[in-house]
PDB file of all heavy atoms in Angstrom:
ATOM      1  N   PRO A   1      -6.161   3.303   9.065  1.00  0.00           N
ATOM      2  CA  PRO A   1      -7.148   3.998   8.238  1.00  0.00           C
ATOM      3  C   PRO A   1      -6.457   5.089   7.424  1.00  0.00           C
ATOM      4  O   PRO A   1      -5.393   5.573   7.812  1.00  0.00           O
ATOM      5  CB  PRO A   1      -8.100   4.625   9.248  1.00  0.00           C
ATOM      6  CG  PRO A   1      -7.769   4.050  10.558  1.00  0.00           C
ATOM      7  CD  PRO A   1      -6.418   3.414  10.468  1.00  0.00           C
ATOM      8  N   ASP A   2      -7.082   5.452   6.305  1.00  0.00           N
ATOM      9  CA  ASP A   2      -6.497   6.490   5.454  1.00  0.00           C
ATOM     10  C   ASP A   2      -6.184   7.735   6.268  1.00  0.00           C
ATOM     11  O   ASP A   2      -7.008   8.238   7.009  1.00  0.00           O
ATOM     12  CB  ASP A   2      -7.457   6.869   4.321  1.00  0.00           C
ATOM     13  CG  ASP A   2      -7.492   5.820   3.239  1.00  0.00           C
ATOM     14  OD1 ASP A   2      -6.562   5.006   3.169  1.00  0.00           O
ATOM     15  OD2 ASP A   2      -8.452   5.823   2.467  1.00  0.00           O
ATOM     16  N   LEU A   3      -4.975   8.199   6.125  1.00  0.00           N
ATOM     17  CA  LEU A   3      -4.560   9.435   6.773  1.00  0.00           C
ATOM     18  C   LEU A   3      -4.729  10.516   5.715  1.00  0.00           C
ATOM     19  O   LEU A   3      -4.243  10.420   4.754  1.00  0.00           O
ATOM     20  CB  LEU A   3      -3.095   9.322   7.199  1.00  0.00           C
ATOM     21  CG  LEU A   3      -2.765   8.080   8.000  1.00  0.00           C
ATOM     22  CD1 LEU A   3      -1.263   7.922   8.151  1.00  0.00           C
ATOM     23  CD2 LEU A   3      -3.413   8.154   9.366  1.00  0.00           C
ATOM     24  N   SER A   4      -5.359  11.498   5.818  1.00  0.00           N
ATOM     25  CA  SER A   4      -5.672  12.531   4.837  1.00  0.00           C
ATOM     26  C   SER A   4      -4.603  12.750   3.760  1.00  0.00           C
ATOM     27  O   SER A   4      -3.897  13.745   3.752  1.00  0.00           O
ATOM     28  CB  SER A   4      -5.967  13.836   5.558  1.00  0.00           C
ATOM     29  OG  SER A   4      -4.841  14.211   6.314  1.00  0.00           O
ATOM     30  N   TYR A   5      -4.480  11.796   2.837  1.00  0.00           N
ATOM     31  CA  TYR A   5      -3.526  11.910   1.734  1.00  0.00           C
ATOM     32  C   TYR A   5      -4.170  12.524   0.495  1.00  0.00           C
ATOM     33  O   TYR A   5      -3.497  12.735  -0.495  1.00  0.00           O
ATOM     34  CB  TYR A   5      -2.958  10.543   1.346  1.00  0.00           C
ATOM     35  CG  TYR A   5      -2.095   9.904   2.388  1.00  0.00           C
ATOM     36  CD1 TYR A   5      -2.223   8.563   2.693  1.00  0.00           C
ATOM     37  CD2 TYR A   5      -1.145  10.639   3.073  1.00  0.00           C
ATOM     38  CE1 TYR A   5      -1.423   7.969   3.647  1.00  0.00           C
ATOM     39  CE2 TYR A   5      -0.342  10.046   4.033  1.00  0.00           C
ATOM     40  CZ  TYR A   5      -0.490   8.711   4.304  1.00  0.00           C
ATOM     41  OH  TYR A   5       0.295   8.125   5.253  1.00  0.00           O
ATOM     42  N   GLY A   6      -5.471  12.746   0.533  1.00  0.00           N
ATOM     43  CA  GLY A   6      -6.129  13.266  -0.655  1.00  0.00           C
ATOM     44  C   GLY A   6      -6.025  12.257  -1.779  1.00  0.00           C
ATOM     45  O   GLY A   6      -6.287  11.078  -1.599  1.00  0.00           O
ATOM     46  N   ASN A   7      -5.605  12.721  -2.942  1.00  0.00           N
ATOM     47  CA  ASN A   7      -5.471  11.835  -4.107  1.00  0.00           C
ATOM     48  C   ASN A   7      -4.066  11.269  -4.255  1.00  0.00           C
ATOM     49  O   ASN A   7      -3.782  10.577  -5.217  1.00  0.00           O
ATOM     50  CB  ASN A   7      -5.864  12.583  -5.380  1.00  0.00           C
ATOM     51  CG  ASN A   7      -7.362  12.808  -5.453  1.00  0.00           C
ATOM     52  OD1 ASN A   7      -8.143  12.021  -4.935  1.00  0.00           O
ATOM     53  ND2 ASN A   7      -7.761  13.895  -6.071  1.00  0.00           N
ATOM     54  N   GLU A   8      -3.188  11.558  -3.295  1.00  0.00           N
ATOM     55  CA  GLU A   8      -1.837  11.012  -3.366  1.00  0.00           C
ATOM     56  C   GLU A   8      -1.846   9.496  -3.203  1.00  0.00           C
ATOM     57  O   GLU A   8      -2.553   8.968  -2.359  1.00  0.00           O
ATOM     58  CB  GLU A   8      -0.970  11.576  -2.230  1.00  0.00           C
ATOM     59  CG  GLU A   8      -0.539  12.990  -2.400  1.00  0.00           C
ATOM     60  CD  GLU A   8       0.359  13.391  -1.247  1.00  0.00           C
ATOM     61  OE1 GLU A   8       1.333  12.675  -0.956  1.00  0.00           O
ATOM     62  OE2 GLU A   8       0.055  14.415  -0.627  1.00  0.00           O
ATOM     63  N   HIS A   9      -1.075   8.827  -3.997  1.00  0.00           N
ATOM     64  CA  HIS A   9      -0.844   7.373  -3.863  1.00  0.00           C
ATOM     65  C   HIS A   9      -2.142   6.565  -3.880  1.00  0.00           C
ATOM     66  O   HIS A   9      -2.225   5.508  -3.263  1.00  0.00           O
ATOM     67  CB  HIS A   9      -0.067   7.067  -2.580  1.00  0.00           C
ATOM     68  CG  HIS A   9       1.183   7.859  -2.440  1.00  0.00           C
ATOM     69  ND1 HIS A   9       2.262   7.675  -3.264  1.00  0.00           N
ATOM     70  CD2 HIS A   9       1.514   8.860  -1.588  1.00  0.00           C
ATOM     71  CE1 HIS A   9       3.220   8.518  -2.922  1.00  0.00           C
ATOM     72  NE2 HIS A   9       2.788   9.250  -1.921  1.00  0.00           N
ATOM     73  N   ILE A  10      -3.131   7.020  -4.619  1.00  0.00           N
ATOM     74  CA  ILE A  10      -4.424   6.332  -4.637  1.00  0.00           C
ATOM     75  C   ILE A  10      -4.278   4.912  -5.188  1.00  0.00           C
ATOM     76  O   ILE A  10      -4.923   3.988  -4.699  1.00  0.00           O
ATOM     77  CB  ILE A  10      -5.473   7.152  -5.401  1.00  0.00           C
ATOM     78  CG1 ILE A  10      -6.867   6.651  -5.062  1.00  0.00           C
ATOM     79  CG2 ILE A  10      -5.223   7.151  -6.897  1.00  0.00           C
ATOM     80  CD1 ILE A  10      -7.969   7.607  -5.452  1.00  0.00           C
ATOM     81  N   GLY A  11      -3.404   4.717  -6.156  1.00  0.00           N
ATOM     82  CA  GLY A  11      -3.182   3.385  -6.714  1.00  0.00           C
ATOM     83  C   GLY A  11      -2.600   2.425  -5.690  1.00  0.00           C
ATOM     84  O   GLY A  11      -3.015   1.269  -5.594  1.00  0.00           O
ATOM     85  N   LEU A  12      -1.637   2.892  -4.902  1.00  0.00           N
ATOM     86  CA  LEU A  12      -1.045   2.046  -3.854  1.00  0.00           C
ATOM     87  C   LEU A  12      -2.082   1.688  -2.802  1.00  0.00           C
ATOM     88  O   LEU A  12      -2.162   0.542  -2.353  1.00  0.00           O
ATOM     89  CB  LEU A  12       0.130   2.759  -3.188  1.00  0.00           C
ATOM     90  CG  LEU A  12       1.362   3.002  -4.042  1.00  0.00           C
ATOM     91  CD1 LEU A  12       2.411   3.779  -3.252  1.00  0.00           C
ATOM     92  CD2 LEU A  12       1.936   1.702  -4.560  1.00  0.00           C
ATOM     93  N   ARG A  13      -2.888   2.667  -2.390  1.00  0.00           N
ATOM     94  CA  ARG A  13      -3.924   2.405  -1.379  1.00  0.00           C
ATOM     95  C   ARG A  13      -4.930   1.390  -1.885  1.00  0.00           C
ATOM     96  O   ARG A  13      -5.312   0.466  -1.167  1.00  0.00           O
ATOM     97  CB  ARG A  13      -4.626   3.705  -0.992  1.00  0.00           C
ATOM     98  CG  ARG A  13      -3.761   4.620  -0.177  1.00  0.00           C
ATOM     99  CD  ARG A  13      -4.555   5.733   0.470  1.00  0.00           C
ATOM    100  NE  ARG A  13      -5.553   6.323  -0.397  1.00  0.00           N
ATOM    101  CZ  ARG A  13      -5.594   7.597  -0.757  1.00  0.00           C
ATOM    102  NH1 ARG A  13      -4.685   8.428  -0.321  1.00  0.00           N
ATOM    103  NH2 ARG A  13      -6.537   8.050  -1.532  1.00  0.00           N
ATOM    104  N   TYR A  14      -5.392   1.536  -3.131  1.00  0.00           N
ATOM    105  CA  TYR A  14      -6.385   0.608  -3.673  1.00  0.00           C
ATOM    106  C   TYR A  14      -5.806  -0.790  -3.846  1.00  0.00           C
ATOM    107  O   TYR A  14      -6.498  -1.781  -3.605  1.00  0.00           O
ATOM    108  CB  TYR A  14      -6.964   1.119  -4.982  1.00  0.00           C
ATOM    109  CG  TYR A  14      -7.950   2.246  -4.800  1.00  0.00           C
ATOM    110  CD1 TYR A  14      -8.324   3.035  -5.872  1.00  0.00           C
ATOM    111  CD2 TYR A  14      -8.519   2.540  -3.569  1.00  0.00           C
ATOM    112  CE1 TYR A  14      -9.236   4.076  -5.712  1.00  0.00           C
ATOM    113  CE2 TYR A  14      -9.415   3.567  -3.395  1.00  0.00           C
ATOM    114  CZ  TYR A  14      -9.772   4.330  -4.479  1.00  0.00           C
ATOM    115  OH  TYR A  14     -10.670   5.357  -4.324  1.00  0.00           O
ATOM    116  N   CYS A  15      -4.551  -0.893  -4.257  1.00  0.00           N
ATOM    117  CA  CYS A  15      -3.919  -2.220  -4.372  1.00  0.00           C
ATOM    118  C   CYS A  15      -3.899  -2.914  -3.017  1.00  0.00           C
ATOM    119  O   CYS A  15      -4.242  -4.095  -2.911  1.00  0.00           O
ATOM    120  CB  CYS A  15      -2.494  -2.091  -4.903  1.00  0.00           C
ATOM    121  SG  CYS A  15      -2.395  -1.742  -6.652  1.00  0.00           S
ATOM    122  N   TYR A  16      -3.511  -2.189  -1.985  1.00  0.00           N
ATOM    123  CA  TYR A  16      -3.467  -2.777  -0.646  1.00  0.00           C
ATOM    124  C   TYR A  16      -4.866  -3.172  -0.181  1.00  0.00           C
ATOM    125  O   TYR A  16      -5.069  -4.269   0.340  1.00  0.00           O
ATOM    126  CB  TYR A  16      -2.823  -1.798   0.345  1.00  0.00           C
ATOM    127  CG  TYR A  16      -2.800  -2.345   1.743  1.00  0.00           C
ATOM    128  CD1 TYR A  16      -1.906  -3.357   2.084  1.00  0.00           C
ATOM    129  CD2 TYR A  16      -3.690  -1.900   2.702  1.00  0.00           C
ATOM    130  CE1 TYR A  16      -1.887  -3.887   3.360  1.00  0.00           C
ATOM    131  CE2 TYR A  16      -3.674  -2.424   3.985  1.00  0.00           C
ATOM    132  CZ  TYR A  16      -2.779  -3.417   4.307  1.00  0.00           C
ATOM    133  OH  TYR A  16      -2.778  -3.947   5.567  1.00  0.00           O
ATOM    134  N   ARG A  17      -5.846  -2.305  -0.386  1.00  0.00           N
ATOM    135  CA  ARG A  17      -7.221  -2.616   0.029  1.00  0.00           C
ATOM    136  C   ARG A  17      -7.756  -3.856  -0.682  1.00  0.00           C
ATOM    137  O   ARG A  17      -8.391  -4.708  -0.063  1.00  0.00           O
ATOM    138  CB  ARG A  17      -8.152  -1.443  -0.277  1.00  0.00           C
ATOM    139  CG  ARG A  17      -8.039  -0.313   0.680  1.00  0.00           C
ATOM    140  CD  ARG A  17      -9.076   0.712   0.322  1.00  0.00           C
ATOM    141  NE  ARG A  17      -8.932   1.921   1.083  1.00  0.00           N
ATOM    142  CZ  ARG A  17      -9.532   3.048   0.788  1.00  0.00           C
ATOM    143  NH1 ARG A  17     -10.316   3.133  -0.264  1.00  0.00           N
ATOM    144  NH2 ARG A  17      -9.362   4.111   1.535  1.00  0.00           N
ATOM    145  N   ARG A  18      -7.510  -3.957  -1.974  1.00  0.00           N
ATOM    146  CA  ARG A  18      -8.005  -5.113  -2.736  1.00  0.00           C
ATOM    147  C   ARG A  18      -7.303  -6.391  -2.296  1.00  0.00           C
ATOM    148  O   ARG A  18      -7.930  -7.439  -2.168  1.00  0.00           O
ATOM    149  CB  ARG A  18      -7.812  -4.886  -4.227  1.00  0.00           C
ATOM    150  CG  ARG A  18      -8.773  -3.873  -4.774  1.00  0.00           C
ATOM    151  CD  ARG A  18      -8.560  -3.628  -6.228  1.00  0.00           C
ATOM    152  NE  ARG A  18      -9.499  -2.614  -6.694  1.00  0.00           N
ATOM    153  CZ  ARG A  18      -9.341  -1.907  -7.780  1.00  0.00           C
ATOM    154  NH1 ARG A  18      -8.268  -2.083  -8.534  1.00  0.00           N
ATOM    155  NH2 ARG A  18     -10.236  -1.019  -8.144  1.00  0.00           N
ATOM    156  N   LEU A  19      -6.010  -6.303  -2.080  1.00  0.00           N
ATOM    157  CA  LEU A  19      -5.260  -7.475  -1.636  1.00  0.00           C
ATOM    158  C   LEU A  19      -5.814  -8.000  -0.322  1.00  0.00           C
ATOM    159  O   LEU A  19      -6.080  -9.196  -0.181  1.00  0.00           O
ATOM    160  CB  LEU A  19      -3.779  -7.115  -1.483  1.00  0.00           C
ATOM    161  CG  LEU A  19      -2.858  -8.244  -1.043  1.00  0.00           C
ATOM    162  CD1 LEU A  19      -2.696  -9.263  -2.160  1.00  0.00           C
ATOM    163  CD2 LEU A  19      -1.506  -7.684  -0.634  1.00  0.00           C
ATOM    164  N   THR A  20      -6.025  -7.132   0.647  1.00  0.00           N
ATOM    165  CA  THR A  20      -6.520  -7.582   1.946  1.00  0.00           C
ATOM    166  C   THR A  20      -8.002  -7.943   1.902  1.00  0.00           C
ATOM    167  O   THR A  20      -8.440  -8.794   2.667  1.00  0.00           O
ATOM    168  CB  THR A  20      -6.258  -6.532   3.044  1.00  0.00           C
ATOM    169  OG1 THR A  20      -6.840  -5.290   2.674  1.00  0.00           O
ATOM    170  CG2 THR A  20      -4.762  -6.369   3.282  1.00  0.00           C
ATOM    171  N   ALA A  21      -8.767  -7.347   0.994  1.00  0.00           N
ATOM    172  CA  ALA A  21     -10.181  -7.715   0.864  1.00  0.00           C
ATOM    173  C   ALA A  21     -10.321  -9.132   0.316  1.00  0.00           C
ATOM    174  O   ALA A  21     -11.182  -9.898   0.750  1.00  0.00           O
ATOM    175  CB  ALA A  21     -10.908  -6.727  -0.041  1.00  0.00           C
ATOM    176  N   VAL A  22      -9.459  -9.498  -0.617  1.00  0.00           N
ATOM    177  CA  VAL A  22      -9.542 -10.823  -1.237  1.00  0.00           C
ATOM    178  C   VAL A  22      -8.847 -11.891  -0.394  1.00  0.00           C
ATOM    179  O   VAL A  22      -9.375 -12.976  -0.202  1.00  0.00           O
ATOM    180  CB  VAL A  22      -8.937 -10.791  -2.663  1.00  0.00           C
ATOM    181  CG1 VAL A  22      -8.826 -12.192  -3.249  1.00  0.00           C
ATOM    182  CG2 VAL A  22      -9.764  -9.898  -3.571  1.00  0.00           C
ATOM    183  N   PHE A  23      -7.652 -11.587   0.134  1.00  0.00           N
ATOM    184  CA  PHE A  23      -6.843 -12.602   0.808  1.00  0.00           C
ATOM    185  C   PHE A  23      -6.841 -12.475   2.324  1.00  0.00           C
ATOM    186  O   PHE A  23      -6.224 -13.280   3.010  1.00  0.00           O
ATOM    187  CB  PHE A  23      -5.404 -12.564   0.290  1.00  0.00           C
ATOM    188  CG  PHE A  23      -5.288 -12.986  -1.142  1.00  0.00           C
ATOM    189  CD1 PHE A  23      -5.169 -12.047  -2.144  1.00  0.00           C
ATOM    190  CD2 PHE A  23      -5.317 -14.326  -1.498  1.00  0.00           C
ATOM    191  CE1 PHE A  23      -5.060 -12.428  -3.468  1.00  0.00           C
ATOM    192  CE2 PHE A  23      -5.222 -14.722  -2.814  1.00  0.00           C
ATOM    193  CZ  PHE A  23      -5.092 -13.765  -3.806  1.00  0.00           C
ATOM    194  N   GLY A  24      -7.477 -11.452   2.858  1.00  0.00           N
ATOM    195  CA  GLY A  24      -7.535 -11.281   4.304  1.00  0.00           C
ATOM    196  C   GLY A  24      -6.360 -10.499   4.847  1.00  0.00           C
ATOM    197  O   GLY A  24      -5.446 -10.099   4.127  1.00  0.00           O
ATOM    198  N   GLU A  25      -6.380 -10.319   6.146  1.00  0.00           N
ATOM    199  CA  GLU A  25      -5.382  -9.484   6.811  1.00  0.00           C
ATOM    200  C   GLU A  25      -3.991 -10.115   6.851  1.00  0.00           C
ATOM    201  O   GLU A  25      -3.023  -9.442   7.210  1.00  0.00           O
ATOM    202  CB  GLU A  25      -5.851  -9.149   8.231  1.00  0.00           C
ATOM    203  CG  GLU A  25      -7.081  -8.267   8.262  1.00  0.00           C
ATOM    204  CD  GLU A  25      -6.883  -6.925   7.560  1.00  0.00           C
ATOM    205  OE1 GLU A  25      -5.814  -6.299   7.733  1.00  0.00           O
ATOM    206  OE2 GLU A  25      -7.795  -6.512   6.838  1.00  0.00           O
ATOM    207  N   THR A  26      -3.861 -11.395   6.497  1.00  0.00           N
ATOM    208  CA  THR A  26      -2.532 -11.986   6.479  1.00  0.00           C
ATOM    209  C   THR A  26      -1.764 -11.628   5.207  1.00  0.00           C
ATOM    210  O   THR A  26      -0.556 -11.824   5.157  1.00  0.00           O
ATOM    211  CB  THR A  26      -2.578 -13.519   6.635  1.00  0.00           C
ATOM    212  OG1 THR A  26      -3.325 -14.071   5.569  1.00  0.00           O
ATOM    213  CG2 THR A  26      -3.163 -13.911   7.972  1.00  0.00           C
ATOM    214  N   ALA A  27      -2.459 -11.122   4.195  1.00  0.00           N
ATOM    215  CA  ALA A  27      -1.785 -10.646   2.987  1.00  0.00           C
ATOM    216  C   ALA A  27      -1.045  -9.359   3.329  1.00  0.00           C
ATOM    217  O   ALA A  27      -1.450  -8.617   4.214  1.00  0.00           O
ATOM    218  CB  ALA A  27      -2.801 -10.398   1.880  1.00  0.00           C
ATOM    219  N   SER A  28       0.050  -9.100   2.616  1.00  0.00           N
ATOM    220  CA  SER A  28       0.806  -7.904   2.948  1.00  0.00           C
ATOM    221  C   SER A  28       1.574  -7.361   1.752  1.00  0.00           C
ATOM    222  O   SER A  28       1.875  -8.091   0.807  1.00  0.00           O
ATOM    223  CB  SER A  28       1.786  -8.188   4.085  1.00  0.00           C
ATOM    224  OG  SER A  28       2.746  -9.138   3.674  1.00  0.00           O
ATOM    225  N   ILE A  29       1.857  -6.081   1.831  1.00  0.00           N
ATOM    226  CA  ILE A  29       2.773  -5.416   0.904  1.00  0.00           C
ATOM    227  C   ILE A  29       3.773  -4.665   1.776  1.00  0.00           C
ATOM    228  O   ILE A  29       3.385  -3.894   2.651  1.00  0.00           O
ATOM    229  CB  ILE A  29       2.056  -4.418  -0.025  1.00  0.00           C
ATOM    230  CG1 ILE A  29       0.975  -5.110  -0.855  1.00  0.00           C
ATOM    231  CG2 ILE A  29       3.074  -3.738  -0.948  1.00  0.00           C
ATOM    232  CD1 ILE A  29       0.139  -4.159  -1.705  1.00  0.00           C
ATOM    233  N   THR A  30       5.040  -4.917   1.555  1.00  0.00           N
ATOM    234  CA  THR A  30       6.073  -4.197   2.289  1.00  0.00           C
ATOM    235  C   THR A  30       6.999  -3.516   1.290  1.00  0.00           C
ATOM    236  O   THR A  30       7.088  -3.926   0.128  1.00  0.00           O
ATOM    237  CB  THR A  30       6.895  -5.124   3.207  1.00  0.00           C
ATOM    238  OG1 THR A  30       7.465  -6.166   2.416  1.00  0.00           O
ATOM    239  CG2 THR A  30       6.029  -5.729   4.295  1.00  0.00           C
ATOM    240  N   VAL A  31       7.672  -2.491   1.747  1.00  0.00           N
ATOM    241  CA  VAL A  31       8.593  -1.763   0.869  1.00  0.00           C
ATOM    242  C   VAL A  31       9.894  -1.494   1.610  1.00  0.00           C
ATOM    243  O   VAL A  31       9.898  -1.175   2.796  1.00  0.00           O
ATOM    244  CB  VAL A  31       7.960  -0.455   0.342  1.00  0.00           C
ATOM    245  CG1 VAL A  31       7.596   0.476   1.469  1.00  0.00           C
ATOM    246  CG2 VAL A  31       8.869   0.237  -0.661  1.00  0.00           C
ATOM    247  N   GLN A  32      10.986  -1.684   0.880  1.00  0.00           N
ATOM    248  CA  GLN A  32      12.313  -1.328   1.370  1.00  0.00           C
ATOM    249  C   GLN A  32      12.953  -0.464   0.291  1.00  0.00           C
ATOM    250  O   GLN A  32      12.781  -0.739  -0.898  1.00  0.00           O
ATOM    251  CB  GLN A  32      13.161  -2.567   1.620  1.00  0.00           C
ATOM    252  CG  GLN A  32      12.637  -3.425   2.738  1.00  0.00           C
ATOM    253  CD  GLN A  32      13.557  -4.597   3.023  1.00  0.00           C
ATOM    254  OE1 GLN A  32      14.620  -4.743   2.452  1.00  0.00           O
ATOM    255  NE2 GLN A  32      13.132  -5.450   3.934  1.00  0.00           N
ATOM    256  N   SER A  33      13.658   0.552   0.710  1.00  0.00           N
ATOM    257  CA  SER A  33      14.284   1.436  -0.262  1.00  0.00           C
ATOM    258  C   SER A  33      15.487   2.118   0.358  1.00  0.00           C
ATOM    259  O   SER A  33      15.509   2.401   1.557  1.00  0.00           O
ATOM    260  CB  SER A  33      13.278   2.491  -0.743  1.00  0.00           C
ATOM    261  OG  SER A  33      13.834   3.264  -1.785  1.00  0.00           O
ATOM    262  N   GLU A  34      16.477   2.335  -0.477  1.00  0.00           N
ATOM    263  CA  GLU A  34      17.656   3.085  -0.060  1.00  0.00           C
ATOM    264  C   GLU A  34      17.961   4.086  -1.169  1.00  0.00           C
ATOM    265  O   GLU A  34      18.016   3.717  -2.359  1.00  0.00           O
ATOM    266  CB  GLU A  34      18.830   2.141   0.151  1.00  0.00           C
ATOM    267  CG  GLU A  34      20.023   2.807   0.753  1.00  0.00           C
ATOM    268  CD  GLU A  34      21.144   1.828   1.060  1.00  0.00           C
ATOM    269  OE1 GLU A  34      20.875   0.628   1.210  1.00  0.00           O
ATOM    270  OE2 GLU A  34      22.291   2.294   1.151  1.00  0.00           O
ATOM    271  N   GLN A  35      18.109   5.335  -0.777  1.00  0.00           N
ATOM    272  CA  GLN A  35      18.359   6.374  -1.758  1.00  0.00           C
ATOM    273  C   GLN A  35      19.630   6.075  -2.545  1.00  0.00           C
ATOM    274  O   GLN A  35      20.636   5.629  -1.985  1.00  0.00           O
ATOM    275  CB  GLN A  35      18.468   7.736  -1.076  1.00  0.00           C
ATOM    276  CG  GLN A  35      17.875   8.826  -1.910  1.00  0.00           C
ATOM    277  CD  GLN A  35      17.590  10.083  -1.104  1.00  0.00           C
ATOM    278  OE1 GLN A  35      17.846  10.170   0.074  1.00  0.00           O
ATOM    279  NE2 GLN A  35      17.031  11.060  -1.781  1.00  0.00           N
ATOM    280  N   ASP A  36      19.556   6.266  -3.858  1.00  0.00           N
ATOM    281  CA  ASP A  36      20.646   6.020  -4.809  1.00  0.00           C
ATOM    282  C   ASP A  36      21.022   4.544  -4.945  1.00  0.00           C
ATOM    283  O   ASP A  36      22.054   4.216  -5.513  1.00  0.00           O
ATOM    284  CB  ASP A  36      21.896   6.840  -4.451  1.00  0.00           C
ATOM    285  CG  ASP A  36      21.619   8.340  -4.475  1.00  0.00           C
ATOM    286  OD1 ASP A  36      20.884   8.794  -5.378  1.00  0.00           O
ATOM    287  OD2 ASP A  36      22.105   9.044  -3.578  1.00  0.00           O
ATOM    288  N   VAL A  37      20.188   3.647  -4.393  1.00  0.00           N
ATOM    289  CA  VAL A  37      20.452   2.208  -4.511  1.00  0.00           C
ATOM    290  C   VAL A  37      19.278   1.507  -5.193  1.00  0.00           C
ATOM    291  O   VAL A  37      19.463   0.716  -6.099  1.00  0.00           O
ATOM    292  CB  VAL A  37      20.736   1.567  -3.137  1.00  0.00           C
ATOM    293  CG1 VAL A  37      20.874   0.062  -3.257  1.00  0.00           C
ATOM    294  CG2 VAL A  37      21.981   2.183  -2.529  1.00  0.00           C
ATOM    295  N   GLY A  38      18.043   1.795  -4.756  1.00  0.00           N
ATOM    296  CA  GLY A  38      16.881   1.179  -5.367  1.00  0.00           C
ATOM    297  C   GLY A  38      15.769   0.925  -4.373  1.00  0.00           C
ATOM    298  O   GLY A  38      15.872   1.264  -3.193  1.00  0.00           O
TER     299      GLY A  38
END
């Protein structure tokens, strides 16, 4: 559930909610990142 982020990252949250609302809980978004790499 939303952790008190306020208006931070609202676009990311809505994208995830819409994805799972349309395609179900098997849909996913994952992120990998390394500083100074990408």
